[in-house]
Amino acid sequence: MKLLSPCIDKCENKNGYCTGCFRSISEISEWKTLCFIEKLEIYKKIEKRRRLQLK
C-alpha cells in the first residue's frame, strides 16, 4: 500500500510547519525515503497539528 504526499502546493513555513500540509521541513525532505509505517506516523502528527491550528 502507498500513502500519497499530503502536499497541496501551499508551501509557507510558520511556527516550524508548512501551513499547507502541516509537515516540518525534515518530514517534507525525507518523505520519499520513508516506509509506509513512518509516513502513517507523520499523518497522525499532521492531524494533531491541524486540530491545534483550528482552535
Protein backbone atom coordinates (compact mmCIF):
# COMPACT_ATOMS: atom_id res chain seq x y z
CA MET A 1 0.00 0.00 0.00
CA LYS A 2 1.22 3.52 -0.76
CA LEU A 3 0.50 6.75 1.07
CA LEU A 4 0.38 9.86 -1.07
CA SER A 5 2.15 13.02 -0.02
CA PRO A 6 -0.12 15.42 1.88
CA CYS A 7 1.43 18.35 -0.03
CA ILE A 8 -1.11 20.79 -1.51
CA ASP A 9 1.46 23.18 -3.06
CA LYS A 10 0.78 25.90 -0.49
CA CYS A 11 4.26 26.00 0.99
CA GLU A 12 4.72 28.51 3.77
CA ASN A 13 6.76 27.84 6.87
CA LYS A 14 5.13 29.22 10.00
CA ASN A 15 5.95 28.02 13.50
CA GLY A 16 8.19 25.30 12.07
CA TYR A 17 5.49 23.67 9.95
CA CYS A 18 4.17 24.17 6.44
CA THR A 19 0.76 25.86 6.54
CA GLY A 20 -0.40 23.74 3.60
CA CYS A 21 0.45 20.20 4.67
CA PHE A 22 1.40 20.72 8.35
CA ARG A 23 4.72 18.88 7.97
CA SER A 24 8.11 20.03 9.23
CA ILE A 25 10.92 20.72 6.79
CA SER A 26 12.60 17.43 7.75
CA GLU A 27 9.36 15.48 7.26
CA ILE A 28 8.94 17.04 3.82
CA SER A 29 12.52 16.39 2.72
CA GLU A 30 12.56 12.78 4.00
CA TRP A 31 9.10 11.82 2.69
CA LYS A 32 10.27 9.89 -0.38
CA THR A 33 12.63 7.71 1.67
CA LEU A 34 10.19 6.80 4.44
CA CYS A 35 8.42 3.46 4.72
CA PHE A 36 4.63 3.13 4.97
CA ILE A 37 4.62 3.00 8.79
CA GLU A 38 6.78 6.11 9.08
CA LYS A 39 4.51 8.01 6.70
CA LEU A 40 1.48 6.87 8.67
CA GLU A 41 3.05 8.27 11.85
CA ILE A 42 3.56 11.62 10.11
CA TYR A 43 -0.10 11.62 9.03
CA LYS A 44 -1.07 11.17 12.69
CA LYS A 45 1.09 14.17 13.63
CA ILE A 46 -0.46 16.18 10.79
CA GLU A 47 -3.96 15.57 12.14
CA LYS A 48 -2.92 16.72 15.62
CA ARG A 49 -1.33 19.87 14.18
CA ARG A 50 -4.44 20.64 12.11
CA ARG A 51 -6.68 20.29 15.14
CA LEU A 52 -4.45 22.63 17.15
CA GLN A 53 -4.49 25.15 14.30
CA LEU A 54 -8.31 25.19 14.24
CA LYS A 55 -8.58 26.05 17.95
